[in-house]
Amino acid sequence: MKRYTAADPLEGLTILVTRPQGQASGLMAALRAERARPIELPVIMIEPPASFDALDGAIRRGGYDWAIFTSANGVEFFVRRLSALGGGPGWFERVAVAAIGPATARSLAAHGVTADLVPEEYVAEALVACLGDTVALAGQRVLLPRADIARDALVKGLLEAGAIVDAVEAYRTVPAPAAPELVRQLRGGQVDVVTFTSPSTVRALLLMLGADADAVADATIACIGPITATAAREAGLHVNVVATTYTVQGLVAALRTYFGERRADVLVTQAHSQPSASQAERTGPA
């Protein structure tokens, strides 16, 4: 592991990025800007559902009061099916739209759809609370295009508030093939930090490692937010860093703070362990 003595806290650190293929560029670029050495290793793949029947049926029915998107992937797959069925942004004209965070809102905006609501905290529980503060949810028809392994917290919260919820599978999250070289790098101490941006990346990496899951024990574990951190802890990992802003930028900032503090501790320890000039004069040569 590095000794955290570089001028930039992340400089020279080898950081594993586990985001799906095609979705890691933002984090990779942000880490390179910090002079870190990111390694891209997609541990999950995003694929279409086994059948689009449920999603297509929801799109055709329409009549929803709210459409809620909890990821950019959900947006992309929904828009693709909407287009395949001959629809476009006009589908949203009579539908209020909620996005769980700014990345999801940006994905909507790229397709000409403005999110009417984005909570300040980017988790399902905050989204339900924010919706409840905006509108009386009782009787509201809500469409929730989501992953096959999505948490139930959002659906549960909406149902408890009296909403009528259609939660439909828009895409699947599946483990990526094994990467034998990763075990060697982890065992050899060549990876300083492992980043996780969702609970599924935690589960998929450990599945990929199999019997070698303990190989991550010497790496710093960094999670994009509390939900991912909880999944990591439940999987037996010691979490060192949890971003307080649940975005790629927030994760990088949290890493910068963490390693900046480690560097400061090392420098203070070094300073205390070295004799001052006056001490050296009194002691003289050996």
Protein backbone atom coordinates (compact mmCIF):
# COMPACT_ATOMS: atom_id res chain seq x y z
CA MET A 1 0.00 0.00 0.00
CA LYS A 2 1.06 3.58 -0.62
CA ARG A 3 2.46 5.75 2.18
CA TYR A 4 0.29 8.76 1.25
CA THR A 5 3.22 11.14 0.88
CA ALA A 6 2.38 12.55 -2.56
CA ALA A 7 1.46 16.22 -2.83
CA ASP A 8 -1.94 15.24 -4.26
CA PRO A 9 -3.75 12.81 -1.93
CA LEU A 10 -4.68 10.34 -4.69
CA GLU A 11 -1.51 10.67 -6.74
CA GLY A 12 -0.03 7.29 -7.60
CA LEU A 13 -2.82 5.24 -6.02
CA THR A 14 -4.12 2.31 -8.06
CA ILE A 15 -7.91 2.43 -7.87
CA LEU A 16 -10.23 -0.31 -9.11
CA VAL A 17 -13.36 0.96 -10.88
CA THR A 18 -16.11 -1.67 -10.94
CA ARG A 19 -18.82 0.18 -12.87
CA PRO A 20 -20.47 -1.50 -15.89
CA GLN A 21 -18.77 -1.26 -19.28
CA GLY A 22 -19.58 2.04 -20.95
CA GLN A 23 -20.45 3.75 -17.66
CA ALA A 24 -17.04 4.11 -16.05
CA SER A 25 -15.60 6.94 -18.14
CA GLY A 26 -16.66 9.74 -15.78
CA LEU A 27 -15.10 8.12 -12.72
CA MET A 28 -11.99 7.09 -14.66
CA ALA A 29 -11.47 10.65 -15.92
CA ALA A 30 -12.04 12.17 -12.47
CA LEU A 31 -9.47 9.83 -10.92
CA ARG A 32 -6.91 10.52 -13.64
CA ALA A 33 -7.39 14.23 -12.99
CA GLU A 34 -6.32 13.49 -9.40
CA ARG A 35 -3.19 11.71 -10.76
CA ALA A 36 -4.45 8.34 -9.60
CA ARG A 37 -4.08 5.18 -11.69
CA PRO A 38 -7.59 3.82 -12.25
CA ILE A 39 -8.13 0.27 -13.46
CA GLU A 40 -11.41 -0.34 -15.25
CA LEU A 41 -12.90 -3.72 -14.38
CA PRO A 42 -16.65 -3.97 -15.13
CA VAL A 43 -18.02 -6.53 -12.70
CA ILE A 44 -21.61 -6.29 -13.93
CA MET A 45 -23.26 -6.11 -17.32
CA ILE A 46 -26.49 -4.29 -18.11
CA GLU A 47 -28.76 -6.31 -20.37
CA PRO A 48 -32.36 -6.17 -21.62
CA PRO A 49 -34.98 -8.08 -19.64
CA ALA A 50 -35.95 -11.57 -20.75
CA SER A 51 -39.18 -9.99 -22.05
CA PHE A 52 -40.30 -6.43 -22.67
CA ASP A 53 -43.99 -7.36 -22.36
CA ALA A 54 -44.51 -5.72 -18.95
CA LEU A 55 -42.69 -2.53 -19.90
CA ASP A 56 -44.39 -2.30 -23.30
CA GLY A 57 -47.77 -2.84 -21.67
CA ALA A 58 -47.16 -0.01 -19.21
CA ILE A 59 -46.06 2.34 -21.98
CA ARG A 60 -49.13 1.53 -24.08
CA ARG A 61 -51.53 1.93 -21.15
CA GLY A 62 -50.16 5.28 -20.06
CA GLY A 63 -52.39 7.35 -17.82
CA TYR A 64 -49.79 7.63 -15.06
CA ASP A 65 -49.56 10.57 -12.70
CA TRP A 66 -45.86 9.98 -12.07
CA ALA A 67 -42.99 8.17 -13.78
CA ILE A 68 -40.07 7.57 -11.44
CA PHE A 69 -36.57 6.75 -12.69
CA THR A 70 -33.93 5.49 -10.30
CA SER A 71 -31.00 5.17 -12.71
CA ALA A 72 -29.72 6.34 -16.06
CA ASN A 73 -30.03 2.73 -17.22
CA GLY A 74 -33.74 2.79 -16.47
CA VAL A 75 -34.09 5.96 -18.52
CA GLU A 76 -32.16 4.55 -21.49
CA PHE A 77 -34.08 1.28 -21.69
CA PHE A 78 -37.43 3.03 -21.20
CA VAL A 79 -36.71 5.54 -23.96
CA ARG A 80 -35.58 2.79 -26.33
CA ARG A 81 -38.83 0.88 -25.84
CA LEU A 82 -40.85 4.06 -26.09
CA SER A 83 -39.19 4.75 -29.45
CA ALA A 84 -39.66 1.16 -30.61
CA LEU A 85 -43.39 1.53 -29.93
CA GLY A 86 -43.54 4.75 -31.94
CA GLY A 87 -43.53 7.15 -28.99
CA GLY A 88 -41.33 10.04 -27.94
CA PRO A 89 -41.04 12.84 -25.39
CA GLY A 90 -44.74 13.60 -25.92
CA TRP A 91 -45.53 10.55 -23.79
CA PHE A 92 -44.42 12.58 -20.77
CA GLU A 93 -46.64 15.62 -21.46
CA ARG A 94 -49.25 14.64 -18.88
CA VAL A 95 -46.90 12.73 -16.60
CA ALA A 96 -44.85 14.24 -13.78
CA VAL A 97 -41.32 12.85 -13.74
CA ALA A 98 -39.08 12.15 -10.74
CA ALA A 99 -35.38 11.26 -10.90
CA ILE A 100 -33.49 9.82 -7.96
CA GLY A 101 -30.42 11.98 -8.59
CA PRO A 102 -28.69 14.42 -10.93
CA ALA A 103 -27.13 11.76 -13.19
CA THR A 104 -30.58 10.27 -13.84
CA ALA A 105 -32.01 13.76 -14.40
CA ARG A 106 -29.26 14.48 -16.94
CA SER A 107 -30.08 11.27 -18.78
CA LEU A 108 -33.71 12.34 -18.98
CA ALA A 109 -32.73 15.80 -20.19
CA ALA A 110 -30.62 14.25 -22.96
CA HIS A 111 -33.88 12.79 -24.30
CA GLY A 112 -35.82 16.03 -24.02
CA VAL A 113 -37.50 15.25 -20.69
CA THR A 114 -37.19 17.55 -17.68
CA ALA A 115 -37.34 15.98 -14.24
CA ASP A 116 -39.99 17.70 -12.13
CA LEU A 117 -38.53 16.40 -8.89
CA VAL A 118 -35.03 15.39 -7.72
CA PRO A 119 -34.57 14.80 -3.97
CA GLU A 120 -31.66 16.37 -2.10
CA GLU A 121 -30.54 12.92 -0.93
CA TYR A 122 -30.23 10.39 -3.73
CA VAL A 123 -31.83 7.31 -2.14
CA ALA A 124 -35.27 5.72 -2.41
CA GLU A 125 -36.38 6.72 1.07
CA ALA A 126 -35.64 10.39 0.39
CA LEU A 127 -37.43 10.22 -2.94
CA VAL A 128 -40.59 8.89 -1.30
CA ALA A 129 -40.44 11.61 1.35
CA CYS A 130 -39.88 14.29 -1.27
CA LEU A 131 -42.80 13.05 -3.35
CA GLY A 132 -45.00 12.98 -0.26
CA ASP A 133 -44.12 16.61 0.42
CA THR A 134 -44.98 17.53 -3.18
CA VAL A 135 -48.28 15.74 -3.73
CA ALA A 136 -50.79 13.59 -1.85
CA LEU A 137 -49.70 10.16 -3.07
CA ALA A 138 -52.93 8.34 -2.17
CA GLY A 139 -54.54 7.17 -5.41
CA GLN A 140 -51.68 8.43 -7.60
CA ARG A 141 -50.74 6.05 -10.42
CA VAL A 142 -46.97 5.60 -10.50
CA LEU A 143 -44.81 3.88 -13.10
CA LEU A 144 -41.43 2.64 -11.90
CA PRO A 145 -39.17 1.20 -14.65
CA ARG A 146 -36.31 -0.47 -12.79
CA ALA A 147 -33.69 -3.20 -12.64
CA ASP A 148 -34.58 -6.81 -11.97
CA ILE A 149 -32.67 -6.70 -8.66
CA ALA A 150 -33.77 -3.25 -7.50
CA ARG A 151 -34.38 -2.61 -3.80
CA ASP A 152 -38.00 -2.79 -2.63
CA ALA A 153 -37.75 0.31 -0.45
CA LEU A 154 -39.21 2.64 -3.07
CA VAL A 155 -42.15 0.41 -3.97
CA LYS A 156 -42.88 -0.25 -0.30
CA GLY A 157 -42.79 3.44 0.58
CA LEU A 158 -45.08 4.38 -2.30
CA LEU A 159 -47.59 1.65 -1.49
CA GLU A 160 -47.64 2.64 2.18
CA ALA A 161 -48.45 6.20 1.08
CA GLY A 162 -51.43 4.89 -0.89
CA ALA A 163 -50.01 5.10 -4.41
CA ILE A 164 -50.92 2.61 -7.13
CA VAL A 165 -47.55 1.32 -8.37
CA ASP A 166 -46.57 -0.47 -11.55
CA ALA A 167 -42.98 -1.61 -10.95
CA VAL A 168 -41.78 -3.11 -14.23
CA GLU A 169 -38.47 -4.65 -15.19
CA ALA A 170 -36.70 -2.42 -17.70
CA TYR A 171 -33.28 -4.08 -17.61
CA ARG A 172 -31.25 -6.83 -15.95
CA THR A 173 -28.01 -6.62 -14.01
CA VAL A 174 -25.87 -9.72 -14.52
CA PRO A 175 -22.37 -10.63 -13.28
CA ALA A 176 -19.49 -10.13 -15.71
CA PRO A 177 -17.08 -12.97 -16.55
CA ALA A 178 -14.25 -13.71 -14.15
CA ALA A 179 -10.97 -11.80 -14.39
CA PRO A 180 -8.16 -14.11 -13.18
CA GLU A 181 -5.57 -11.32 -13.31
CA LEU A 182 -7.51 -9.40 -10.65
CA VAL A 183 -6.77 -11.97 -7.94
CA ARG A 184 -3.04 -11.75 -8.64
CA GLN A 185 -3.14 -7.94 -8.46
CA LEU A 186 -5.08 -7.94 -5.20
CA ARG A 187 -2.93 -10.62 -3.61
CA GLY A 188 0.20 -8.76 -4.67
CA GLY A 189 -0.94 -5.50 -3.08
CA GLN A 190 -1.13 -3.82 -6.47
CA VAL A 191 -4.62 -2.41 -5.86
CA ASP A 192 -4.85 0.34 -3.26
CA VAL A 193 -8.55 1.15 -3.48
CA VAL A 194 -11.65 -0.74 -4.59
CA THR A 195 -14.63 1.48 -5.47
CA PHE A 196 -18.26 0.39 -5.46
CA THR A 197 -21.08 2.43 -6.96
CA SER A 198 -24.01 0.10 -6.24
CA PRO A 199 -24.85 -2.96 -4.15
CA SER A 200 -24.79 -5.04 -7.33
CA THR A 201 -21.13 -4.16 -7.95
CA VAL A 202 -20.31 -5.38 -4.44
CA ARG A 203 -22.04 -8.70 -4.93
CA ALA A 204 -20.67 -9.19 -8.43
CA LEU A 205 -17.04 -8.52 -7.49
CA LEU A 206 -17.17 -10.99 -4.60
CA LEU A 207 -18.85 -13.53 -6.87
CA MET A 208 -16.12 -12.97 -9.44
CA LEU A 209 -13.43 -13.54 -6.80
CA GLY A 210 -15.13 -16.62 -5.36
CA ALA A 211 -12.88 -18.38 -2.88
CA ASP A 212 -10.41 -15.48 -3.20
CA ALA A 213 -12.87 -12.89 -1.88
CA ASP A 214 -10.58 -12.23 1.07
CA ALA A 215 -8.05 -10.78 -1.40
CA VAL A 216 -9.75 -7.38 -1.08
CA ALA A 217 -9.04 -7.21 2.66
CA ASP A 218 -5.88 -5.14 2.26
CA ALA A 219 -7.44 -2.60 -0.10
CA THR A 220 -9.26 0.55 0.97
CA ILE A 221 -12.98 0.05 0.29
CA ALA A 222 -14.82 3.14 -0.98
CA CYS A 223 -18.60 3.30 -1.56
CA ILE A 224 -20.65 5.91 -3.37
CA GLY A 225 -23.24 6.11 -0.59
CA PRO A 226 -24.79 4.45 2.48
CA ILE A 227 -26.89 1.87 0.60
CA THR A 228 -23.82 0.54 -1.20
CA ALA A 229 -21.81 0.72 2.03
CA THR A 230 -24.43 -1.34 3.86
CA ALA A 231 -24.29 -3.99 1.13
CA ALA A 232 -20.49 -4.09 1.42
CA ARG A 233 -20.57 -4.45 5.21
CA GLU A 234 -23.22 -7.16 5.02
CA ALA A 235 -20.90 -8.99 2.62
CA GLY A 236 -18.17 -8.89 5.25
CA LEU A 237 -16.08 -6.02 3.89
CA HIS A 238 -14.57 -3.29 6.03
CA VAL A 239 -15.72 0.00 4.49
CA ASN A 240 -13.24 2.86 4.82
CA VAL A 241 -14.83 5.59 2.70
CA VAL A 242 -18.49 6.53 2.16
CA ALA A 243 -19.33 9.53 0.01
CA THR A 244 -21.74 12.03 1.54
CA THR A 245 -22.80 13.23 -1.91
CA TYR A 246 -23.90 10.12 -3.78
CA THR A 247 -22.31 10.90 -7.15
CA VAL A 248 -19.06 10.10 -8.93
CA GLN A 249 -17.78 13.55 -7.99
CA GLY A 250 -18.81 12.96 -4.39
CA LEU A 251 -16.97 9.65 -4.32
CA VAL A 252 -13.77 11.21 -5.62
CA ALA A 253 -14.07 14.05 -3.11
CA ALA A 254 -14.51 11.54 -0.27
CA LEU A 255 -11.41 9.65 -1.41
CA ARG A 256 -9.45 12.90 -1.59
CA THR A 257 -10.46 13.76 1.97
CA TYR A 258 -9.70 10.29 3.31
CA PHE A 259 -6.25 10.01 1.79
CA GLY A 260 -5.50 13.66 2.53
CA GLU A 261 -6.06 12.91 6.21
CA ARG A 262 -3.89 9.78 6.00
CA ARG A 263 -1.11 11.82 4.38
CA ALA A 264 -1.38 14.49 7.07
CA ASP A 265 -1.12 11.83 9.79
CA VAL A 266 2.00 10.37 8.17
CA LEU A 267 3.66 13.78 7.87
CA VAL A 268 2.90 14.61 11.52
CA THR A 269 4.29 11.24 12.63
CA GLN A 270 7.44 11.79 10.58
CA ALA A 271 7.90 15.26 12.02
CA HIS A 272 7.58 13.97 15.58
CA SER A 273 10.00 11.12 14.97
CA GLN A 274 12.80 13.40 13.69
CA PRO A 275 14.98 15.30 16.18
CA SER A 276 14.89 19.08 16.01
CA ALA A 277 17.99 21.05 15.05
CA SER A 278 18.66 21.98 18.71
CA GLN A 279 18.32 18.35 19.79
CA ALA A 280 20.75 17.31 17.07
CA GLU A 281 23.26 19.94 18.24
CA ARG A 282 23.03 18.76 21.86
CA THR A 283 23.32 15.13 20.89
CA GLY A 284 26.20 15.56 18.48
CA PRO A 285 27.64 12.82 16.33
CA ALA A 286 27.52 9.24 17.52
